[in-house]
Amino acid sequence: MTATVSAAAPRPRGVAIPDGVRRLGAPVLAGVSVLATWHVVAVLFFTRTELPLPGGVARQMWEDRTFYGPHIRQTLYEAALGYAWGVGIALVLGALFVLVPVVERVALRIVIATYCLPLIAAAPILQIVLSADAAKVAVAAQATLLVTLVGITLGL
């Protein structure tokens, strides 16, 4: 006699892997694979001055750790300020679009054109016209404006 296994019968399980570990498995494996490939390529094909080993990069980052703090804070400040400006302008324009629909036809085209302008092309121009910090804030606002404006306009 042969035993038949029904589709509803539970499969025997080994060690239960928590969902959090299961979700992190692929990204961690991908990161380790990238680092291992980087190490192998650096050892086989490059000198250590051309392509440093991952361990050397990590060691240098640890030695220069006091350098990163102020720069990370400044970058986050500029990004947050640009985001706030983008959302603020989007709120004003979204309310204006709902209250005066004629304005939407004209202004939305300008906002779309501004959004479609590549940031890599706009940033140097903004750097010349504005101060260094204001240019970074303007680029962050430009990246935020259209996406937020569409959501606000549809929401209102």
N, C-alpha and C. Protein backbone atom coordinates (compact mmCIF):
# COMPACT_ATOMS: atom_id res chain seq x y z
N MET A 1 0.84 -1.17 0.00
CA MET A 1 0.00 0.00 0.00
C MET A 1 0.88 1.23 0.00
N THR A 2 0.48 2.15 -0.83
CA THR A 2 1.23 3.41 -0.85
C THR A 2 0.41 4.46 -0.13
N ALA A 3 1.12 5.29 0.57
CA ALA A 3 0.45 6.36 1.31
C ALA A 3 0.30 7.57 0.41
N THR A 4 -0.85 8.12 0.43
CA THR A 4 -1.06 9.33 -0.36
C THR A 4 -1.05 10.53 0.57
N VAL A 5 -0.48 11.59 0.07
CA VAL A 5 -0.41 12.81 0.87
C VAL A 5 -1.42 13.78 0.30
N SER A 6 -2.32 14.20 1.14
CA SER A 6 -3.32 15.16 0.67
C SER A 6 -2.72 16.55 0.67
N ALA A 7 -3.30 17.41 -0.14
CA ALA A 7 -2.79 18.77 -0.27
C ALA A 7 -2.99 19.56 1.01
N ALA A 8 -3.97 19.19 1.81
CA ALA A 8 -4.27 19.94 3.01
C ALA A 8 -3.41 19.49 4.19
N ALA A 9 -2.73 18.37 4.06
CA ALA A 9 -1.93 17.87 5.18
C ALA A 9 -0.74 18.80 5.41
N PRO A 10 -0.47 19.16 6.65
CA PRO A 10 0.66 20.05 6.92
C PRO A 10 1.98 19.33 6.68
N ARG A 11 2.91 20.07 6.13
CA ARG A 11 4.24 19.51 5.89
C ARG A 11 5.02 19.57 7.19
N PRO A 12 5.84 18.57 7.41
CA PRO A 12 6.67 18.64 8.61
C PRO A 12 7.66 19.80 8.48
N ARG A 13 7.84 20.53 9.56
CA ARG A 13 8.71 21.70 9.53
C ARG A 13 9.95 21.42 10.34
N GLY A 14 11.02 22.02 9.87
CA GLY A 14 12.27 21.97 10.62
C GLY A 14 12.27 23.13 11.59
N VAL A 15 13.35 23.83 11.61
CA VAL A 15 13.48 24.99 12.50
C VAL A 15 12.66 26.13 11.91
N ALA A 16 11.84 26.74 12.72
CA ALA A 16 11.00 27.85 12.26
C ALA A 16 11.87 29.11 12.15
N ILE A 17 11.84 29.72 10.98
CA ILE A 17 12.60 30.95 10.75
C ILE A 17 11.64 32.11 10.92
N PRO A 18 11.96 33.02 11.83
CA PRO A 18 11.07 34.18 12.03
C PRO A 18 10.94 35.01 10.75
N ASP A 19 9.79 35.65 10.59
CA ASP A 19 9.53 36.44 9.38
C ASP A 19 10.54 37.55 9.21
N GLY A 20 10.95 38.20 10.30
CA GLY A 20 11.93 39.29 10.21
C GLY A 20 13.25 38.82 9.63
N VAL A 21 13.69 37.64 10.04
CA VAL A 21 14.94 37.08 9.51
C VAL A 21 14.76 36.70 8.06
N ARG A 22 13.61 36.16 7.72
CA ARG A 22 13.34 35.75 6.34
C ARG A 22 13.34 36.97 5.40
N ARG A 23 12.77 38.09 5.87
CA ARG A 23 12.73 39.30 5.05
C ARG A 23 14.11 39.91 4.89
N LEU A 24 14.96 39.81 5.89
CA LEU A 24 16.29 40.39 5.82
C LEU A 24 17.29 39.51 5.09
N GLY A 25 16.95 38.26 4.89
CA GLY A 25 17.89 37.31 4.29
C GLY A 25 18.40 37.73 2.93
N ALA A 26 17.53 38.09 2.01
CA ALA A 26 17.94 38.45 0.65
C ALA A 26 18.78 39.73 0.62
N PRO A 27 18.38 40.81 1.30
CA PRO A 27 19.24 42.00 1.27
C PRO A 27 20.61 41.78 1.90
N VAL A 28 20.66 41.02 2.99
CA VAL A 28 21.95 40.75 3.62
C VAL A 28 22.81 39.90 2.70
N LEU A 29 22.22 38.90 2.08
CA LEU A 29 22.96 38.06 1.15
C LEU A 29 23.46 38.88 -0.04
N ALA A 30 22.64 39.79 -0.53
CA ALA A 30 23.06 40.64 -1.65
C ALA A 30 24.23 41.54 -1.24
N GLY A 31 24.15 42.12 -0.06
CA GLY A 31 25.24 42.98 0.42
C GLY A 31 26.53 42.21 0.60
N VAL A 32 26.46 41.02 1.19
CA VAL A 32 27.65 40.19 1.37
C VAL A 32 28.22 39.78 0.01
N SER A 33 27.35 39.48 -0.95
CA SER A 33 27.81 39.10 -2.30
C SER A 33 28.54 40.26 -2.97
N VAL A 34 28.01 41.47 -2.84
CA VAL A 34 28.66 42.64 -3.43
C VAL A 34 30.03 42.86 -2.81
N LEU A 35 30.11 42.77 -1.48
CA LEU A 35 31.40 42.97 -0.81
C LEU A 35 32.40 41.88 -1.18
N ALA A 36 31.94 40.64 -1.27
CA ALA A 36 32.84 39.54 -1.65
C ALA A 36 33.33 39.71 -3.08
N THR A 37 32.44 40.10 -3.98
CA THR A 37 32.84 40.33 -5.37
C THR A 37 33.83 41.48 -5.46
N TRP A 38 33.56 42.54 -4.74
CA TRP A 38 34.46 43.70 -4.69
C TRP A 38 35.85 43.25 -4.22
N HIS A 39 35.90 42.46 -3.16
CA HIS A 39 37.18 42.01 -2.61
C HIS A 39 37.94 41.16 -3.63
N VAL A 40 37.25 40.21 -4.25
CA VAL A 40 37.90 39.32 -5.22
C VAL A 40 38.41 40.11 -6.42
N VAL A 41 37.59 41.00 -6.95
CA VAL A 41 38.00 41.80 -8.11
C VAL A 41 39.19 42.69 -7.75
N ALA A 42 39.16 43.29 -6.57
CA ALA A 42 40.26 44.16 -6.15
C ALA A 42 41.56 43.39 -6.00
N VAL A 43 41.50 42.19 -5.46
CA VAL A 43 42.71 41.39 -5.26
C VAL A 43 43.25 40.87 -6.58
N LEU A 44 42.37 40.42 -7.46
CA LEU A 44 42.83 39.78 -8.70
C LEU A 44 43.23 40.76 -9.80
N PHE A 45 42.54 41.89 -9.92
CA PHE A 45 42.73 42.72 -11.09
C PHE A 45 43.30 44.11 -10.83
N PHE A 46 43.33 44.56 -9.61
CA PHE A 46 43.75 45.92 -9.32
C PHE A 46 44.79 45.94 -8.21
N THR A 47 45.57 47.02 -8.19
CA THR A 47 46.43 47.24 -7.04
C THR A 47 45.56 47.89 -5.96
N ARG A 48 46.05 47.90 -4.75
CA ARG A 48 45.23 48.43 -3.66
C ARG A 48 45.06 49.94 -3.72
N THR A 49 45.88 50.63 -4.50
CA THR A 49 45.69 52.07 -4.65
C THR A 49 44.63 52.37 -5.69
N GLU A 50 44.46 51.50 -6.67
CA GLU A 50 43.43 51.72 -7.69
C GLU A 50 42.05 51.38 -7.16
N LEU A 51 41.91 50.27 -6.49
CA LEU A 51 40.63 49.82 -5.94
C LEU A 51 40.90 49.23 -4.56
N PRO A 52 40.65 50.00 -3.52
CA PRO A 52 40.95 49.50 -2.17
C PRO A 52 40.02 48.35 -1.77
N LEU A 53 40.49 47.56 -0.84
CA LEU A 53 39.68 46.45 -0.33
C LEU A 53 38.58 46.99 0.57
N PRO A 54 37.46 46.28 0.68
CA PRO A 54 36.36 46.74 1.52
C PRO A 54 36.79 46.97 2.98
N GLY A 55 37.64 46.11 3.49
CA GLY A 55 38.12 46.28 4.86
C GLY A 55 38.92 47.56 5.03
N GLY A 56 39.71 47.92 4.02
CA GLY A 56 40.48 49.16 4.08
C GLY A 56 39.58 50.39 4.06
N VAL A 57 38.52 50.31 3.29
CA VAL A 57 37.56 51.42 3.24
C VAL A 57 36.86 51.56 4.59
N ALA A 58 36.44 50.44 5.17
CA ALA A 58 35.77 50.48 6.47
C ALA A 58 36.72 51.00 7.55
N ARG A 59 37.98 50.59 7.51
CA ARG A 59 38.96 51.06 8.48
C ARG A 59 39.17 52.57 8.37
N GLN A 60 39.27 53.08 7.14
CA GLN A 60 39.46 54.51 6.94
C GLN A 60 38.23 55.30 7.38
N MET A 61 37.04 54.76 7.10
CA MET A 61 35.82 55.44 7.55
C MET A 61 35.77 55.50 9.08
N TRP A 62 36.23 54.45 9.74
CA TRP A 62 36.23 54.45 11.20
C TRP A 62 37.23 55.48 11.73
N GLU A 63 38.38 55.59 11.09
CA GLU A 63 39.38 56.56 11.53
C GLU A 63 38.91 57.99 11.29
N ASP A 64 38.11 58.21 10.26
CA ASP A 64 37.62 59.55 9.93
C ASP A 64 36.20 59.80 10.44
N ARG A 65 35.77 59.05 11.44
CA ARG A 65 34.37 59.12 11.88
C ARG A 65 33.96 60.49 12.39
N THR A 66 34.88 61.29 12.91
CA THR A 66 34.52 62.64 13.37
C THR A 66 34.23 63.57 12.20
N PHE A 67 34.70 63.23 11.03
CA PHE A 67 34.48 64.04 9.83
C PHE A 67 33.02 63.97 9.37
N TYR A 68 32.38 62.82 9.53
CA TYR A 68 31.07 62.59 8.94
C TYR A 68 29.92 63.27 9.68
N GLY A 69 29.99 63.37 10.98
CA GLY A 69 28.88 63.89 11.78
C GLY A 69 28.38 65.25 11.33
N PRO A 70 29.24 66.29 11.28
CA PRO A 70 28.75 67.61 10.87
C PRO A 70 28.20 67.62 9.44
N HIS A 71 28.81 66.85 8.57
CA HIS A 71 28.38 66.85 7.17
C HIS A 71 27.04 66.13 7.00
N ILE A 72 26.84 65.07 7.75
CA ILE A 72 25.54 64.38 7.70
C ILE A 72 24.45 65.28 8.24
N ARG A 73 24.74 65.98 9.35
CA ARG A 73 23.75 66.90 9.92
C ARG A 73 23.40 68.01 8.92
N GLN A 74 24.40 68.58 8.26
CA GLN A 74 24.16 69.66 7.30
C GLN A 74 23.34 69.16 6.10
N THR A 75 23.66 67.98 5.62
CA THR A 75 22.92 67.41 4.49
C THR A 75 21.47 67.14 4.87
N LEU A 76 21.25 66.56 6.04
CA LEU A 76 19.89 66.30 6.49
C LEU A 76 19.12 67.60 6.69
N TYR A 77 19.78 68.63 7.20
CA TYR A 77 19.14 69.93 7.39
C TYR A 77 18.70 70.52 6.04
N GLU A 78 19.59 70.49 5.05
CA GLU A 78 19.26 71.04 3.74
C GLU A 78 18.16 70.23 3.06
N ALA A 79 18.21 68.92 3.20
CA ALA A 79 17.16 68.07 2.60
C ALA A 79 15.82 68.32 3.27
N ALA A 80 15.80 68.43 4.59
CA ALA A 80 14.55 68.67 5.31
C ALA A 80 13.98 70.05 4.97
N LEU A 81 14.86 71.04 4.87
CA LEU A 81 14.40 72.39 4.52
C LEU A 81 13.84 72.41 3.10
N GLY A 82 14.51 71.74 2.16
CA GLY A 82 14.00 71.64 0.79
C GLY A 82 12.68 70.90 0.72
N TYR A 83 12.56 69.84 1.51
CA TYR A 83 11.30 69.10 1.56
C TYR A 83 10.18 70.00 2.10
N ALA A 84 10.48 70.74 3.13
CA ALA A 84 9.48 71.64 3.72
C ALA A 84 9.05 72.71 2.70
N TRP A 85 10.01 73.29 1.99
CA TRP A 85 9.67 74.28 0.96
C TRP A 85 8.83 73.64 -0.15
N GLY A 86 9.21 72.46 -0.60
CA GLY A 86 8.46 71.78 -1.65
C GLY A 86 7.03 71.48 -1.24
N VAL A 87 6.86 70.98 -0.02
CA VAL A 87 5.52 70.66 0.48
C VAL A 87 4.72 71.95 0.69
N GLY A 88 5.37 72.98 1.21
CA GLY A 88 4.67 74.26 1.41
C GLY A 88 4.17 74.86 0.11
N ILE A 89 5.03 74.88 -0.89
CA ILE A 89 4.63 75.40 -2.20
C ILE A 89 3.54 74.53 -2.81
N ALA A 90 3.66 73.21 -2.63
CA ALA A 90 2.64 72.30 -3.16
C ALA A 90 1.29 72.52 -2.47
N LEU A 91 1.29 72.78 -1.18
CA LEU A 91 0.04 73.06 -0.48
C LEU A 91 -0.64 74.32 -1.01
N VAL A 92 0.17 75.36 -1.19
CA VAL A 92 -0.39 76.62 -1.70
C VAL A 92 -0.91 76.44 -3.12
N LEU A 93 -0.10 75.82 -3.98
CA LEU A 93 -0.53 75.61 -5.37
C LEU A 93 -1.73 74.66 -5.45
N GLY A 94 -1.74 73.60 -4.63
CA GLY A 94 -2.86 72.67 -4.64
C GLY A 94 -4.16 73.36 -4.26
N ALA A 95 -4.13 74.19 -3.23
CA ALA A 95 -5.33 74.93 -2.84
C ALA A 95 -5.74 75.90 -3.94
N LEU A 96 -4.75 76.55 -4.55
CA LEU A 96 -5.04 77.49 -5.64
C LEU A 96 -5.64 76.76 -6.84
N PHE A 97 -5.12 75.58 -7.14
CA PHE A 97 -5.65 74.79 -8.27
C PHE A 97 -7.10 74.41 -8.04
N VAL A 98 -7.44 74.07 -6.82
CA VAL A 98 -8.82 73.67 -6.53
C VAL A 98 -9.75 74.87 -6.54
N LEU A 99 -9.29 75.99 -6.01
CA LEU A 99 -10.14 77.19 -5.94
C LEU A 99 -10.26 77.90 -7.29
N VAL A 100 -9.18 77.91 -8.07
CA VAL A 100 -9.18 78.61 -9.37
C VAL A 100 -8.67 77.62 -10.43
N PRO A 101 -9.56 76.82 -11.02
CA PRO A 101 -9.15 75.78 -11.96
C PRO A 101 -8.40 76.30 -13.19
N VAL A 102 -8.62 77.55 -13.57
CA VAL A 102 -7.93 78.10 -14.73
C VAL A 102 -6.42 78.18 -14.47
N VAL A 103 -6.05 78.45 -13.24
CA VAL A 103 -4.64 78.55 -12.88
C VAL A 103 -3.96 77.19 -13.03
N GLU A 104 -4.70 76.13 -12.77
CA GLU A 104 -4.12 74.79 -12.84
C GLU A 104 -3.58 74.47 -14.23
N ARG A 105 -4.34 74.85 -15.26
CA ARG A 105 -3.91 74.54 -16.64
C ARG A 105 -2.57 75.16 -16.97
N VAL A 106 -2.33 76.37 -16.50
CA VAL A 106 -1.08 77.06 -16.81
C VAL A 106 0.03 76.64 -15.84
N ALA A 107 -0.24 76.73 -14.56
CA ALA A 107 0.80 76.51 -13.55
C ALA A 107 1.26 75.06 -13.50
N LEU A 108 0.35 74.12 -13.71
CA LEU A 108 0.75 72.72 -13.66
C LEU A 108 1.75 72.39 -14.76
N ARG A 109 1.60 72.99 -15.90
CA ARG A 109 2.56 72.76 -16.99
C ARG A 109 3.94 73.28 -16.61
N ILE A 110 3.99 74.41 -15.93
CA ILE A 110 5.27 74.96 -15.49
C ILE A 110 5.90 74.06 -14.44
N VAL A 111 5.10 73.58 -13.51
CA VAL A 111 5.62 72.67 -12.47
C VAL A 111 6.12 71.38 -13.10
N ILE A 112 5.41 70.84 -14.07
CA ILE A 112 5.84 69.60 -14.74
C ILE A 112 7.14 69.84 -15.49
N ALA A 113 7.25 70.98 -16.18
CA ALA A 113 8.50 71.29 -16.89
C ALA A 113 9.66 71.43 -15.92
N THR A 114 9.41 72.04 -14.79
CA THR A 114 10.46 72.18 -13.77
C THR A 114 10.87 70.82 -13.24
N TYR A 115 9.89 69.96 -13.03
CA TYR A 115 10.18 68.61 -12.51
C TYR A 115 10.96 67.78 -13.53
N CYS A 116 10.65 67.97 -14.80
CA CYS A 116 11.30 67.19 -15.85
C CYS A 116 12.72 67.67 -16.16
N LEU A 117 13.04 68.86 -15.73
CA LEU A 117 14.40 69.37 -15.91
C LEU A 117 15.34 68.52 -15.07
N PRO A 118 16.34 67.90 -15.69
CA PRO A 118 17.22 67.02 -14.92
C PRO A 118 17.92 67.78 -13.78
N LEU A 119 17.94 67.17 -12.61
CA LEU A 119 18.58 67.81 -11.47
C LEU A 119 20.05 68.09 -11.73
N ILE A 120 20.69 67.22 -12.48
CA ILE A 120 22.11 67.40 -12.76
C ILE A 120 22.35 68.60 -13.67
N ALA A 121 21.32 69.02 -14.41
CA ALA A 121 21.43 70.22 -15.24
C ALA A 121 21.02 71.46 -14.46
N ALA A 122 20.05 71.32 -13.57
CA ALA A 122 19.56 72.48 -12.82
C ALA A 122 20.49 72.87 -11.69
N ALA A 123 21.14 71.90 -11.06
CA ALA A 123 21.96 72.19 -9.88
C ALA A 123 23.10 73.18 -10.15
N PRO A 124 23.87 73.03 -11.23
CA PRO A 124 24.95 74.01 -11.46
C PRO A 124 24.41 75.42 -11.70
N ILE A 125 23.28 75.53 -12.39
CA ILE A 125 22.69 76.84 -12.63
C ILE A 125 22.23 77.45 -11.32
N LEU A 126 21.57 76.65 -10.50
CA LEU A 126 21.13 77.14 -9.19
C LEU A 126 22.33 77.50 -8.31
N GLN A 127 23.42 76.77 -8.44
CA GLN A 127 24.62 77.05 -7.66
C GLN A 127 25.20 78.42 -8.01
N ILE A 128 25.09 78.80 -9.28
CA ILE A 128 25.59 80.11 -9.71
C ILE A 128 24.65 81.22 -9.27
N VAL A 129 23.36 80.98 -9.39
CA VAL A 129 22.37 82.02 -9.10
C VAL A 129 22.16 82.21 -7.60
N LEU A 130 22.12 81.11 -6.85
CA LEU A 130 21.84 81.16 -5.42
C LEU A 130 23.11 80.90 -4.63
N SER A 131 23.01 81.02 -3.31
CA SER A 131 24.14 80.64 -2.46
C SER A 131 24.24 79.12 -2.45
N ALA A 132 25.33 78.61 -1.91
CA ALA A 132 25.57 77.16 -1.93
C ALA A 132 24.47 76.39 -1.20
N ASP A 133 24.11 76.83 -0.01
CA ASP A 133 23.07 76.12 0.75
C ASP A 133 21.70 76.28 0.12
N ALA A 134 21.40 77.47 -0.38
CA ALA A 134 20.09 77.71 -0.99
C ALA A 134 19.92 76.87 -2.26
N ALA A 135 20.98 76.64 -2.99
CA ALA A 135 20.89 75.83 -4.21
C ALA A 135 20.54 74.38 -3.86
N LYS A 136 21.12 73.87 -2.80
CA LYS A 136 20.81 72.50 -2.39
C LYS A 136 19.37 72.38 -1.90
N VAL A 137 18.92 73.39 -1.19
CA VAL A 137 17.53 73.41 -0.72
C VAL A 137 16.58 73.48 -1.92
N ALA A 138 16.92 74.30 -2.91
CA ALA A 138 16.07 74.43 -4.10
C ALA A 138 16.00 73.12 -4.88
N VAL A 139 17.10 72.40 -4.98
CA VAL A 139 17.09 71.11 -5.68
C VAL A 139 16.20 70.11 -4.93
N ALA A 140 16.28 70.10 -3.61
CA ALA A 140 15.41 69.20 -2.82
C ALA A 140 13.94 69.59 -2.99
N ALA A 141 13.66 70.88 -3.02
CA ALA A 141 12.29 71.34 -3.21
C ALA A 141 11.79 70.96 -4.60
N GLN A 142 12.66 71.10 -5.61
CA GLN A 142 12.28 70.74 -6.98
C GLN A 142 11.94 69.25 -7.07
N ALA A 143 12.68 68.42 -6.38
CA ALA A 143 12.43 66.98 -6.43
C ALA A 143 11.14 66.60 -5.71
N THR A 144 10.69 67.44 -4.79
CA THR A 144 9.52 67.13 -3.97
C THR A 144 8.23 67.71 -4.52
N LEU A 145 8.31 68.83 -5.20
CA LEU A 145 7.14 69.64 -5.52
C LEU A 145 6.06 68.90 -6.30
N LEU A 146 6.36 68.36 -7.45
CA LEU A 146 5.32 67.78 -8.31
C LEU A 146 4.65 66.58 -7.66
N VAL A 147 5.43 65.71 -7.09
CA VAL A 147 4.86 64.50 -6.49
C VAL A 147 3.88 64.88 -5.38
N THR A 148 4.26 65.83 -4.56
CA THR A 148 3.39 66.26 -3.48
C THR A 148 2.18 67.02 -4.02
N LEU A 149 2.41 67.86 -5.02
CA LEU A 149 1.33 68.66 -5.61
C LEU A 149 0.24 67.78 -6.20
N VAL A 150 0.60 66.73 -6.88
CA VAL A 150 -0.40 65.84 -7.46
C VAL A 150 -1.24 65.19 -6.36
N GLY A 151 -0.59 64.70 -5.32
CA GLY A 151 -1.33 64.09 -4.21
C GLY A 151 -2.25 65.08 -3.50
N ILE A 152 -1.76 66.30 -3.29
CA ILE A 152 -2.58 67.31 -2.61
C ILE A 152 -3.76 67.71 -3.47
N THR A 153 -3.52 67.91 -4.76
CA THR A 153 -4.60 68.33 -5.65
C THR A 153 -5.68 67.23 -5.73
N LEU A 154 -5.26 65.99 -5.86
CA LEU A 154 -6.25 64.91 -5.90
C LEU A 154 -6.97 64.76 -4.57
N GLY A 155 -6.24 64.98 -3.48
CA GLY A 155 -6.86 64.87 -2.17
C GLY A 155 -7.88 65.96 -1.89
N LEU A 156 -7.59 67.17 -2.36
CA LEU A 156 -8.53 68.26 -2.14
C LEU A 156 -9.69 68.15 -3.11
